[in-house]
PDB file of N, CA and C in Angstrom:
ATOM      1  N   MET A   1       0.936  -1.140   0.183  1.00  0.00           N
ATOM      2  CA  MET A   1      -0.047   0.062  -0.094  1.00  0.00           C
ATOM      3  C   MET A   1       0.760   1.156  -0.167  1.00  0.00           C
ATOM      4  N   ALA A   2       0.600   2.249  -0.884  1.00  0.00           N
ATOM      5  CA  ALA A   2       1.331   3.289  -1.477  1.00  0.00           C
ATOM      6  C   ALA A   2       1.005   4.779  -0.128  1.00  0.00           C
ATOM      7  N   LYS A   3       2.055   4.989   0.891  1.00  0.00           N
ATOM      8  CA  LYS A   3       1.936   5.975   1.844  1.00  0.00           C
ATOM      9  C   LYS A   3       2.014   7.785   0.667  1.00  0.00           C
ATOM     10  N   VAL A   4       1.286   8.330   1.356  1.00  0.00           N
ATOM     11  CA  VAL A   4       1.428   9.566   0.749  1.00  0.00           C
ATOM     12  C   VAL A   4       1.956  11.130   2.024  1.00  0.00           C
ATOM     13  N   TYR A   5       3.054  11.234   1.442  1.00  0.00           N
ATOM     14  CA  TYR A   5       3.657  12.287   2.257  1.00  0.00           C
ATOM     15  C   TYR A   5       3.510  13.714   1.987  1.00  0.00           C
ATOM     16  N   VAL A   6       2.956  14.555   3.008  1.00  0.00           N
ATOM     17  CA  VAL A   6       2.253  15.722   2.918  1.00  0.00           C
ATOM     18  C   VAL A   6       3.031  16.193   4.205  1.00  0.00           C
ATOM     19  N   TYR A   7       3.617  17.237   4.139  1.00  0.00           N
ATOM     20  CA  TYR A   7       4.311  18.223   5.226  1.00  0.00           C
ATOM     21  C   TYR A   7       4.447  17.321   5.999  1.00  0.00           C
ATOM     22  N   GLY A   8       5.576  16.734   6.235  1.00  0.00           N
ATOM     23  CA  GLY A   8       6.054  15.644   7.269  1.00  0.00           C
ATOM     24  C   GLY A   8       5.046  14.723   7.915  1.00  0.00           C
ATOM     25  N   ILE A   9       4.040  14.181   7.328  1.00  0.00           N
ATOM     26  CA  ILE A   9       3.182  13.486   7.640  1.00  0.00           C
ATOM     27  C   ILE A   9       2.772  12.443   6.361  1.00  0.00           C
ATOM     28  N   TYR A  10       2.951  10.982   6.957  1.00  0.00           N
ATOM     29  CA  TYR A  10       2.370  10.179   5.877  1.00  0.00           C
ATOM     30  C   TYR A  10       0.850   9.766   6.035  1.00  0.00           C
ATOM     31  N   PHE A  11       0.185   9.654   5.152  1.00  0.00           N
ATOM     32  CA  PHE A  11      -1.021   9.482   5.214  1.00  0.00           C
ATOM     33  C   PHE A  11      -1.387   8.035   4.453  1.00  0.00           C
ATOM     34  N   VAL A  12      -1.619   6.978   5.239  1.00  0.00           N
ATOM     35  CA  VAL A  12      -2.060   5.549   4.395  1.00  0.00           C
ATOM     36  C   VAL A  12      -3.384   5.984   3.781  1.00  0.00           C
ATOM     37  N   PRO A  13      -3.573   5.595   2.230  1.00  0.00           N
ATOM     38  CA  PRO A  13      -4.998   5.426   2.044  1.00  0.00           C
ATOM     39  C   PRO A  13      -5.782   4.387   2.553  1.00  0.00           C
ATOM     40  N   MET A  14      -7.058   4.613   2.943  1.00  0.00           N
ATOM     41  CA  MET A  14      -7.785   3.848   3.502  1.00  0.00           C
ATOM     42  C   MET A  14      -8.450   2.822   2.647  1.00  0.00           C
ATOM     43  N   LYS A  15      -8.710   1.503   3.021  1.00  0.00           N
ATOM     44  CA  LYS A  15      -9.413   0.700   2.105  1.00  0.00           C
ATOM     45  C   LYS A  15     -10.902   0.669   2.464  1.00  0.00           C
ATOM     46  N   THR A  16     -10.972   0.734   4.136  1.00  0.00           N
ATOM     47  CA  THR A  16     -12.511   1.030   4.466  1.00  0.00           C
ATOM     48  C   THR A  16     -12.851   2.475   4.317  1.00  0.00           C
ATOM     49  N   LYS A  17     -14.144   2.493   4.081  1.00  0.00           N
ATOM     50  CA  LYS A  17     -14.708   3.712   3.797  1.00  0.00           C
ATOM     51  C   LYS A  17     -14.527   4.652   5.251  1.00  0.00           C
ATOM     52  N   PRO A  18     -13.870   5.655   4.891  1.00  0.00           N
ATOM     53  CA  PRO A  18     -13.383   6.466   6.253  1.00  0.00           C
ATOM     54  C   PRO A  18     -14.806   7.214   7.048  1.00  0.00           C
ATOM     55  N   THR A  19     -14.380   7.447   8.034  1.00  0.00           N
ATOM     56  CA  THR A  19     -15.573   7.993   9.102  1.00  0.00           C
ATOM     57  C   THR A  19     -15.317   9.515   9.119  1.00  0.00           C
ATOM     58  N   PRO A  20     -16.307  10.243   9.576  1.00  0.00           N
ATOM     59  CA  PRO A  20     -16.344  11.780   9.995  1.00  0.00           C
ATOM     60  C   PRO A  20     -14.852  11.909  11.143  1.00  0.00           C
ATOM     61  N   GLU A  21     -15.001  11.202  11.751  1.00  0.00           N
ATOM     62  CA  GLU A  21     -13.943  10.906  13.013  1.00  0.00           C
ATOM     63  C   GLU A  21     -12.709  11.231  12.076  1.00  0.00           C
ATOM     64  N   SER A  22     -12.383   9.895  11.373  1.00  0.00           N
ATOM     65  CA  SER A  22     -11.109   9.991  10.524  1.00  0.00           C
ATOM     66  C   SER A  22     -10.768  11.054   9.750  1.00  0.00           C
ATOM     67  N   LEU A  23     -11.664  11.303   9.218  1.00  0.00           N
ATOM     68  CA  LEU A  23     -11.245  12.487   8.209  1.00  0.00           C
ATOM     69  C   LEU A  23     -11.067  13.906   9.113  1.00  0.00           C
ATOM     70  N   PHE A  24     -11.525  13.989  10.202  1.00  0.00           N
ATOM     71  CA  PHE A  24     -11.079  15.337  11.204  1.00  0.00           C
ATOM     72  C   PHE A  24     -10.158  15.135  11.502  1.00  0.00           C
ATOM     73  N   GLN A  25      -9.715  13.844  11.984  1.00  0.00           N
ATOM     74  CA  GLN A  25      -8.195  13.434  12.500  1.00  0.00           C
ATOM     75  C   GLN A  25      -7.144  13.790  11.379  1.00  0.00           C
ATOM     76  N   ALA A  26      -7.395  13.449  10.087  1.00  0.00           N
ATOM     77  CA  ALA A  26      -6.652  13.736   8.909  1.00  0.00           C
ATOM     78  C   ALA A  26      -6.447  14.945   8.678  1.00  0.00           C
ATOM     79  N   MET A  27      -7.423  15.762   8.979  1.00  0.00           N
ATOM     80  CA  MET A  27      -7.243  17.329   8.628  1.00  0.00           C
ATOM     81  C   MET A  27      -6.693  18.113   9.803  1.00  0.00           C
ATOM     82  N   SER A  28      -6.569  17.389  11.080  1.00  0.00           N
ATOM     83  CA  SER A  28      -6.235  18.451  12.182  1.00  0.00           C
ATOM     84  C   SER A  28      -4.607  17.773  12.373  1.00  0.00           C
ATOM     85  N   GLN A  29      -4.124  16.938  11.298  1.00  0.00           N
ATOM     86  CA  GLN A  29      -2.467  16.503  11.142  1.00  0.00           C
ATOM     87  C   GLN A  29      -1.894  17.705  10.363  1.00  0.00           C
ATOM     88  N   ILE A  30      -2.977  18.163   9.565  1.00  0.00           N
ATOM     89  CA  ILE A  30      -1.938  19.526   8.696  1.00  0.00           C
ATOM     90  C   ILE A  30      -1.737  20.301   9.351  1.00  0.00           C
ATOM     91  N   GLN A  31      -0.333  20.998   9.691  1.00  0.00           N
ATOM     92  CA  GLN A  31      -0.149  21.945  10.237  1.00  0.00           C
ATOM     93  C   GLN A  31       0.212  23.449   9.543  1.00  0.00           C
ATOM     94  N   HIS A  32       0.499  23.124   8.172  1.00  0.00           N
ATOM     95  CA  HIS A  32       0.768  24.360   7.609  1.00  0.00           C
ATOM     96  C   HIS A  32      -0.236  24.329   6.221  1.00  0.00           C
ATOM     97  N   MET A  33      -0.767  25.458   5.933  1.00  0.00           N
ATOM     98  CA  MET A  33      -1.465  25.619   4.853  1.00  0.00           C
ATOM     99  C   MET A  33      -1.083  27.212   3.777  1.00  0.00           C
ATOM    100  N   ASP A  34      -1.553  27.129   2.667  1.00  0.00           N
ATOM    101  CA  ASP A  34      -1.207  28.306   1.886  1.00  0.00           C
ATOM    102  C   ASP A  34      -1.791  28.008   0.268  1.00  0.00           C
ATOM    103  N   ARG A  35      -2.552  28.715   0.144  1.00  0.00           N
ATOM    104  CA  ARG A  35      -3.362  29.157  -0.912  1.00  0.00           C
ATOM    105  C   ARG A  35      -2.069  28.989  -2.395  1.00  0.00           C
ATOM    106  N   GLY A  36      -2.817  28.553  -3.491  1.00  0.00           N
ATOM    107  CA  GLY A  36      -2.081  29.527  -4.610  1.00  0.00           C
ATOM    108  C   GLY A  36      -1.164  28.264  -5.478  1.00  0.00           C
ATOM    109  N   THR A  37      -0.310  28.995  -6.267  1.00  0.00           N
ATOM    110  CA  THR A  37       0.952  28.681  -6.973  1.00  0.00           C
ATOM    111  C   THR A  37       1.887  29.083  -6.836  1.00  0.00           C
ATOM    112  N   VAL A  38       3.332  28.149  -7.118  1.00  0.00           N
ATOM    113  CA  VAL A  38       4.426  28.686  -7.216  1.00  0.00           C
ATOM    114  C   VAL A  38       5.199  28.252  -8.600  1.00  0.00           C
ATOM    115  N   SER A  39       5.678  29.295  -9.220  1.00  0.00           N
ATOM    116  CA  SER A  39       6.195  29.332 -10.292  1.00  0.00           C
ATOM    117  C   SER A  39       7.471  30.096 -10.446  1.00  0.00           C
ATOM    118  N   VAL A  40       8.389  29.759 -11.480  1.00  0.00           N
ATOM    119  CA  VAL A  40       9.409  30.383 -11.754  1.00  0.00           C
ATOM    120  C   VAL A  40       9.084  31.417 -13.028  1.00  0.00           C
ATOM    121  N   ILE A  41       9.624  32.774 -12.478  1.00  0.00           N
ATOM    122  CA  ILE A  41       9.271  34.051 -13.200  1.00  0.00           C
ATOM    123  C   ILE A  41      10.209  34.194 -14.107  1.00  0.00           C
ATOM    124  N   ARG A  42      11.789  33.801 -13.882  1.00  0.00           N
ATOM    125  CA  ARG A  42      12.839  34.078 -14.682  1.00  0.00           C
ATOM    126  C   ARG A  42      13.798  33.354 -14.037  1.00  0.00           C
ATOM    127  N   GLN A  43      15.106  33.193 -15.030  1.00  0.00           N
ATOM    128  CA  GLN A  43      15.974  32.493 -14.595  1.00  0.00           C
ATOM    129  C   GLN A  43      17.086  33.653 -14.386  1.00  0.00           C
ATOM    130  N   GLY A  44      18.026  33.896 -13.207  1.00  0.00           N
ATOM    131  CA  GLY A  44      18.642  34.735 -13.079  1.00  0.00           C
ATOM    132  C   GLY A  44      20.223  33.983 -12.876  1.00  0.00           C
ATOM    133  N   PRO A  45      21.369  34.537 -12.694  1.00  0.00           N
ATOM    134  CA  PRO A  45      22.637  34.291 -12.645  1.00  0.00           C
ATOM    135  C   PRO A  45      23.029  33.287 -11.430  1.00  0.00           C
ATOM    136  N   ALA A  46      22.002  33.356 -10.301  1.00  0.00           N
ATOM    137  CA  ALA A  46      22.504  32.631  -9.306  1.00  0.00           C
ATOM    138  C   ALA A  46      21.017  31.658  -9.221  1.00  0.00           C
ATOM    139  N   GLY A  47      20.455  31.461  -9.919  1.00  0.00           N
ATOM    140  CA  GLY A  47      19.233  30.556 -10.320  1.00  0.00           C
ATOM    141  C   GLY A  47      18.172  31.063 -10.362  1.00  0.00           C
ATOM    142  N   PRO A  48      16.924  30.433 -10.571  1.00  0.00           N
ATOM    143  CA  PRO A  48      15.600  30.925 -10.608  1.00  0.00           C
ATOM    144  C   PRO A  48      14.853  31.788  -9.726  1.00  0.00           C
ATOM    145  N   TYR A  49      13.952  32.765 -10.262  1.00  0.00           N
ATOM    146  CA  TYR A  49      13.552  33.518  -9.007  1.00  0.00           C
ATOM    147  C   TYR A  49      11.889  32.904  -8.915  1.00  0.00           C
ATOM    148  N   TYR A  50      11.505  32.889  -8.094  1.00  0.00           N
ATOM    149  CA  TYR A  50       9.954  32.443  -7.495  1.00  0.00           C
ATOM    150  C   TYR A  50       9.128  33.321  -7.656  1.00  0.00           C
ATOM    151  N   ASN A  51       7.449  33.023  -7.868  1.00  0.00           N
ATOM    152  CA  ASN A  51       6.631  33.901  -7.298  1.00  0.00           C
ATOM    153  C   ASN A  51       5.490  32.896  -7.170  1.00  0.00           C
ATOM    154  N   HIS A  52       4.880  33.401  -6.023  1.00  0.00           N
ATOM    155  CA  HIS A  52       3.663  33.125  -5.561  1.00  0.00           C
ATOM    156  C   HIS A  52       2.423  33.611  -5.998  1.00  0.00           C
ATOM    157  N   GLN A  53       1.542  33.352  -6.481  1.00  0.00           N
ATOM    158  CA  GLN A  53       0.161  33.614  -6.657  1.00  0.00           C
ATOM    159  C   GLN A  53      -0.879  33.084  -6.121  1.00  0.00           C
ATOM    160  N   CYS A  54      -1.626  33.869  -5.326  1.00  0.00           N
ATOM    161  CA  CYS A  54      -3.315  33.266  -4.976  1.00  0.00           C
ATOM    162  C   CYS A  54      -4.116  34.334  -4.921  1.00  0.00           C
ATOM    163  N   TYR A  55      -5.391  34.160  -4.578  1.00  0.00           N
ATOM    164  CA  TYR A  55      -6.470  34.947  -4.828  1.00  0.00           C
ATOM    165  C   TYR A  55      -7.013  35.547  -3.495  1.00  0.00           C
ATOM    166  N   GLU A  56      -6.793  36.659  -2.958  1.00  0.00           N
ATOM    167  CA  GLU A  56      -6.994  36.912  -1.933  1.00  0.00           C
ATOM    168  C   GLU A  56      -8.035  38.366  -1.823  1.00  0.00           C
ATOM    169  N   ALA A  57      -8.824  38.240  -1.207  1.00  0.00           N
ATOM    170  CA  ALA A  57      -9.965  39.414  -0.910  1.00  0.00           C
ATOM    171  C   ALA A  57     -10.166  40.304  -2.192  1.00  0.00           C
ATOM    172  N   GLY A  58     -10.851  38.905  -2.901  1.00  0.00           N
ATOM    173  CA  GLY A  58     -11.091  39.551  -4.280  1.00  0.00           C
ATOM    174  C   GLY A  58     -10.478  39.681  -5.301  1.00  0.00           C
ATOM    175  N   ARG A  59      -8.943  39.780  -5.224  1.00  0.00           N
ATOM    176  CA  ARG A  59      -7.917  39.958  -5.964  1.00  0.00           C
ATOM    177  C   ARG A  59      -7.018  38.967  -6.043  1.00  0.00           C
ATOM    178  N   ASN A  60      -6.237  38.917  -7.256  1.00  0.00           N
ATOM    179  CA  ASN A  60      -5.192  38.052  -7.541  1.00  0.00           C
ATOM    180  C   ASN A  60      -3.792  38.942  -6.685  1.00  0.00           C
ATOM    181  N   VAL A  61      -3.107  38.306  -6.068  1.00  0.00           N
ATOM    182  CA  VAL A  61      -2.106  38.772  -5.503  1.00  0.00           C
ATOM    183  C   VAL A  61      -1.032  37.909  -5.977  1.00  0.00           C
ATOM    184  N   SER A  62       0.216  38.469  -6.172  1.00  0.00           N
ATOM    185  CA  SER A  62       1.745  38.036  -6.236  1.00  0.00           C
ATOM    186  C   SER A  62       2.745  38.324  -5.436  1.00  0.00           C
ATOM    187  N   ARG A  63       3.384  37.688  -5.250  1.00  0.00           N
ATOM    188  CA  ARG A  63       4.677  37.832  -3.972  1.00  0.00           C
ATOM    189  C   ARG A  63       5.932  37.206  -4.681  1.00  0.00           C
ATOM    190  N   TYR A  64       7.372  37.678  -4.765  1.00  0.00           N
ATOM    191  CA  TYR A  64       8.239  37.249  -4.814  1.00  0.00           C
ATOM    192  C   TYR A  64       8.563  36.064  -3.412  1.00  0.00           C
ATOM    193  N   VAL A  65       9.079  34.977  -4.137  1.00  0.00           N
ATOM    194  CA  VAL A  65       9.222  33.935  -3.215  1.00  0.00           C
ATOM    195  C   VAL A  65      10.997  33.609  -3.132  1.00  0.00           C
ATOM    196  N   PRO A  66      11.959  33.795  -1.893  1.00  0.00           N
ATOM    197  CA  PRO A  66      13.000  33.259  -1.862  1.00  0.00           C
ATOM    198  C   PRO A  66      13.432  31.886  -2.235  1.00  0.00           C
ATOM    199  N   GLY A  67      14.145  31.690  -2.890  1.00  0.00           N
ATOM    200  CA  GLY A  67      14.423  30.033  -3.398  1.00  0.00           C
ATOM    201  C   GLY A  67      14.734  29.038  -2.383  1.00  0.00           C
ATOM    202  N   GLU A  68      14.746  29.587  -1.076  1.00  0.00           N
ATOM    203  CA  GLU A  68      15.104  28.525  -0.329  1.00  0.00           C
ATOM    204  C   GLU A  68      13.778  28.350   0.716  1.00  0.00           C
ATOM    205  N   GLN A  69      12.883  29.320   0.377  1.00  0.00           N
ATOM    206  CA  GLN A  69      11.404  29.059   0.861  1.00  0.00           C
ATOM    207  C   GLN A  69      10.449  28.373  -0.091  1.00  0.00           C
ATOM    208  N   VAL A  70      11.035  28.135  -1.084  1.00  0.00           N
ATOM    209  CA  VAL A  70      10.045  27.445  -2.081  1.00  0.00           C
ATOM    210  C   VAL A  70       9.550  25.708  -1.711  1.00  0.00           C
ATOM    211  N   ALA A  71      10.551  25.258  -1.475  1.00  0.00           N
ATOM    212  CA  ALA A  71       9.999  23.961  -0.774  1.00  0.00           C
ATOM    213  C   ALA A  71       9.066  23.477   0.261  1.00  0.00           C
ATOM    214  N   GLU A  72       9.047  24.804   1.297  1.00  0.00           N
ATOM    215  CA  GLU A  72       8.395  25.112   2.416  1.00  0.00           C
ATOM    216  C   GLU A  72       6.922  25.440   1.801  1.00  0.00           C
ATOM    217  N   LEU A  73       6.917  26.416   1.019  1.00  0.00           N
ATOM    218  CA  LEU A  73       5.818  26.690   0.515  1.00  0.00           C
ATOM    219  C   LEU A  73       4.849  25.780  -0.616  1.00  0.00           C
ATOM    220  N   LYS A  74       5.678  25.244  -1.085  1.00  0.00           N
ATOM    221  CA  LYS A  74       5.028  23.920  -1.823  1.00  0.00           C
ATOM    222  C   LYS A  74       4.183  22.687  -0.940  1.00  0.00           C
ATOM    223  N   GLU A  75       4.965  22.599   0.031  1.00  0.00           N
ATOM    224  CA  GLU A  75       4.244  21.742   0.944  1.00  0.00           C
ATOM    225  C   GLU A  75       3.158  22.344   1.807  1.00  0.00           C
ATOM    226  N   ALA A  76       3.278  23.520   2.129  1.00  0.00           N
ATOM    227  CA  ALA A  76       1.934  23.952   2.432  1.00  0.00           C
ATOM    228  C   ALA A  76       0.643  24.217   1.554  1.00  0.00           C
ATOM    229  N   ILE A  77       1.056  24.509   0.141  1.00  0.00           N
ATOM    230  CA  ILE A  77       0.262  24.468  -0.646  1.00  0.00           C
ATOM    231  C   ILE A  77      -0.288  23.213  -0.983  1.00  0.00           C
ATOM    232  N   ALA A  78       0.583  22.145  -0.743  1.00  0.00           N
ATOM    233  CA  ALA A  78       0.053  20.824  -0.893  1.00  0.00           C
ATOM    234  C   ALA A  78      -0.988  20.240   0.520  1.00  0.00           C
ATOM    235  N   GLY A  79      -0.656  20.956   1.590  1.00  0.00           N
ATOM    236  CA  GLY A  79      -1.227  20.582   2.751  1.00  0.00           C
ATOM    237  C   GLY A  79      -2.816  21.531   2.391  1.00  0.00           C
ATOM    238  N   HIS A  80      -3.022  22.573   1.798  1.00  0.00           N
ATOM    239  CA  HIS A  80      -4.105  23.016   1.582  1.00  0.00           C
ATOM    240  C   HIS A  80      -5.057  21.809   0.578  1.00  0.00           C
ATOM    241  N   HIS A  81      -4.178  21.681  -0.320  1.00  0.00           N
ATOM    242  CA  HIS A  81      -4.768  20.785  -1.308  1.00  0.00           C
ATOM    243  C   HIS A  81      -5.288  19.496  -0.756  1.00  0.00           C
ATOM    244  N   LEU A  82      -4.592  19.014   0.071  1.00  0.00           N
ATOM    245  CA  LEU A  82      -5.094  17.623   0.990  1.00  0.00           C
ATOM    246  C   LEU A  82      -6.325  17.863   2.038  1.00  0.00           C
ATOM    247  N   PHE A  83      -6.395  19.339   2.464  1.00  0.00           N
ATOM    248  CA  PHE A  83      -7.146  19.699   3.411  1.00  0.00           C
ATOM    249  C   PHE A  83      -8.830  19.541   2.315  1.00  0.00           C
ATOM    250  N   GLN A  84      -8.637  20.166   1.546  1.00  0.00           N
ATOM    251  CA  GLN A  84      -9.758  20.663   0.519  1.00  0.00           C
ATOM    252  C   GLN A  84     -10.258  19.020   0.274  1.00  0.00           C
ATOM    253  N   GLN A  85      -9.478  17.899  -0.115  1.00  0.00           N
ATOM    254  CA  GLN A  85      -9.995  16.659  -0.574  1.00  0.00           C
ATOM    255  C   GLN A  85     -10.552  16.022   0.623  1.00  0.00           C
ATOM    256  N   LEU A  86     -10.158  16.203   1.862  1.00  0.00           N
ATOM    257  CA  LEU A  86     -10.324  15.576   2.914  1.00  0.00           C
ATOM    258  C   LEU A  86     -12.055  16.168   3.268  1.00  0.00           C
ATOM    259  N   ALA A  87     -11.948  17.548   2.945  1.00  0.00           N
ATOM    260  CA  ALA A  87     -12.976  18.281   3.254  1.00  0.00           C
ATOM    261  C   ALA A  87     -14.378  17.845   2.530  1.00  0.00           C
ATOM    262  N   GLU A  88     -13.878  17.569   1.335  1.00  0.00           N
ATOM    263  CA  GLU A  88     -14.890  17.314   0.099  1.00  0.00           C
ATOM    264  C   GLU A  88     -15.536  15.833   0.369  1.00  0.00           C
ATOM    265  N   GLN A  89     -14.279  14.772   0.783  1.00  0.00           N
ATOM    266  CA  GLN A  89     -14.969  13.369   1.335  1.00  0.00           C
ATOM    267  C   GLN A  89     -15.716  13.598   2.416  1.00  0.00           C
ATOM    268  N   TYR A  90     -15.561  14.490   3.505  1.00  0.00           N
ATOM    269  CA  TYR A  90     -16.352  14.689   4.687  1.00  0.00           C
ATOM    270  C   TYR A  90     -17.880  14.933   4.268  1.00  0.00           C
ATOM    271  N   VAL A  91     -18.031  15.857   3.341  1.00  0.00           N
ATOM    272  CA  VAL A  91     -19.228  16.623   2.753  1.00  0.00           C
ATOM    273  C   VAL A  91     -19.893  15.297   2.327  1.00  0.00           C
ATOM    274  N   GLN A  92     -19.194  14.700   1.501  1.00  0.00           N
ATOM    275  CA  GLN A  92     -19.936  13.463   0.490  1.00  0.00           C
ATOM    276  C   GLN A  92     -20.293  12.639   1.422  1.00  0.00           C
ATOM    277  N   LEU A  93     -19.908  12.139   2.234  1.00  0.00           N
ATOM    278  CA  LEU A  93     -20.090  11.240   3.620  1.00  0.00           C
ATOM    279  C   LEU A  93     -21.444  11.488   3.945  1.00  0.00           C
ATOM    280  N   MET A  94     -20.867  12.779   4.677  1.00  0.00           N
ATOM    281  CA  MET A  94     -22.558  13.704   5.285  1.00  0.00           C
ATOM    282  C   MET A  94     -23.900  13.684   4.330  1.00  0.00           C
ATOM    283  N   VAL A  95     -23.710  14.040   3.017  1.00  0.00           N
ATOM    284  CA  VAL A  95     -24.682  13.828   2.023  1.00  0.00           C
ATOM    285  C   VAL A  95     -25.497  12.751   1.975  1.00  0.00           C
ATOM    286  N   ASP A  96     -24.416  11.567   1.556  1.00  0.00           N
ATOM    287  CA  ASP A  96     -24.901  10.173   1.454  1.00  0.00           C
ATOM    288  C   ASP A  96     -25.476   9.752   2.832  1.00  0.00           C
ATOM    289  N   LYS A  97     -25.010  10.045   4.079  1.00  0.00           N
ATOM    290  CA  LYS A  97     -25.482  10.050   5.411  1.00  0.00           C
ATOM    291  C   LYS A  97     -27.245  10.358   5.504  1.00  0.00           C
ATOM    292  N   THR A  98     -27.192  11.645   5.085  1.00  0.00           N
ATOM    293  CA  THR A  98     -28.486  12.294   5.041  1.00  0.00           C
ATOM    294  C   THR A  98     -29.465  11.880   4.307  1.00  0.00           C
ATOM    295  N   ARG A  99     -29.232  11.400   2.762  1.00  0.00           N
ATOM    296  CA  ARG A  99     -29.865  11.033   1.870  1.00  0.00           C
ATOM    297  C   ARG A  99     -30.798   9.607   2.509  1.00  0.00           C
ATOM    298  N   ALA A 100     -29.570   8.697   3.046  1.00  0.00           N
ATOM    299  CA  ALA A 100     -29.750   7.290   3.511  1.00  0.00           C
ATOM    300  C   ALA A 100     -30.953   7.478   4.692  1.00  0.00           C
ATOM    301  N   GLU A 101     -30.806   8.159   5.363  1.00  0.00           N
ATOM    302  CA  GLU A 101     -31.685   8.732   6.629  1.00  0.00           C
ATOM    303  C   GLU A 101     -33.058   9.101   5.846  1.00  0.00           C
ATOM    304  N   ARG A 102     -33.265   9.971   4.991  1.00  0.00           N
ATOM    305  CA  ARG A 102     -34.251  10.565   4.728  1.00  0.00           C
ATOM    306  C   ARG A 102     -34.968   9.206   3.850  1.00  0.00           C
ATOM    307  N   GLN A 103     -34.162   8.467   2.912  1.00  0.00           N
ATOM    308  CA  GLN A 103     -35.078   7.425   2.308  1.00  0.00           C
ATOM    309  C   GLN A 103     -35.561   6.506   3.349  1.00  0.00           C
ATOM    310  N   ALA A 104     -35.120   6.140   4.342  1.00  0.00           N
ATOM    311  CA  ALA A 104     -35.371   5.394   5.488  1.00  0.00           C
ATOM    312  C   ALA A 104     -36.604   5.830   6.275  1.00  0.00           C
ATOM    313  N   GLY A 105     -36.908   7.133   6.190  1.00  0.00           N
ATOM    314  CA  GLY A 105     -37.706   7.616   6.895  1.00  0.00           C
ATOM    315  C   GLY A 105     -39.139   7.798   5.822  1.00  0.00           C
ATOM    316  N   VAL A 106     -38.560   7.806   4.486  1.00  0.00           N
ATOM    317  CA  VAL A 106     -39.896   7.559   3.440  1.00  0.00           C
ATOM    318  C   VAL A 106     -40.426   6.686   3.469  1.00  0.00           C
ATOM    319  N   LYS A 107     -39.232   5.568   3.654  1.00  0.00           N
ATOM    320  CA  LYS A 107     -40.316   4.111   3.696  1.00  0.00           C
ATOM    321  C   LYS A 107     -40.900   3.366   4.883  1.00  0.00           C
ATOM    322  N   LYS A 108     -40.323   4.311   5.829  1.00  0.00           N
ATOM    323  CA  LYS A 108     -41.384   4.085   7.112  1.00  0.00           C
ATOM    324  C   LYS A 108     -43.036   4.665   6.992  1.00  0.00           C
ATOM    325  N   LYS A 109     -42.894   5.726   6.479  1.00  0.00           N
ATOM    326  CA  LYS A 109     -44.218   5.998   6.305  1.00  0.00           C
ATOM    327  C   LYS A 109     -45.308   5.413   5.755  1.00  0.00           C
ATOM    328  N   PRO A 110     -46.486   4.874   6.070  1.00  0.00           N
ATOM    329  CA  PRO A 110     -47.581   4.507   5.607  1.00  0.00           C
ATOM    330  C   PRO A 110     -48.303   4.974   4.496  1.00  0.00           C
ATOM    331  N   GLN A 111     -48.368   4.424   3.612  1.00  0.00           N
ATOM    332  CA  GLN A 111     -49.408   4.847   2.536  1.00  0.00           C
ATOM    333  C   GLN A 111     -50.916   4.941   2.929  1.00  0.00           C
ATOM    334  N   PRO A 112     -51.383   6.462   2.378  1.00  0.00           N
ATOM    335  CA  PRO A 112     -52.747   6.556   2.809  1.00  0.00           C
ATOM    336  C   PRO A 112     -53.449   5.634   1.708  1.00  0.00           C
TER     337      PRO A 112
END
């Protein structure tokens, strides 16, 4: 079974259906998050220059990122992506549960 490494944490994909508690546990393990993307804006004599772009307060924001901070920023962005995936799994789990409960309630009602 392959392990996924994100920000110093190994996540093992679950073979069983996740529970709300297991999803919250996985979310709580993510210690750093950031939105956006990192890209090389140009090559300089000492190496590439990096740019961090993200959408904040209704507008696109662009920041210079020193080369020594790029790896940390990429891990924080990966942490945000992982959090979004886990949150989406939680939403789908709760939607399925709600629909199942609603269907069970419909079956219990007697027909007039």
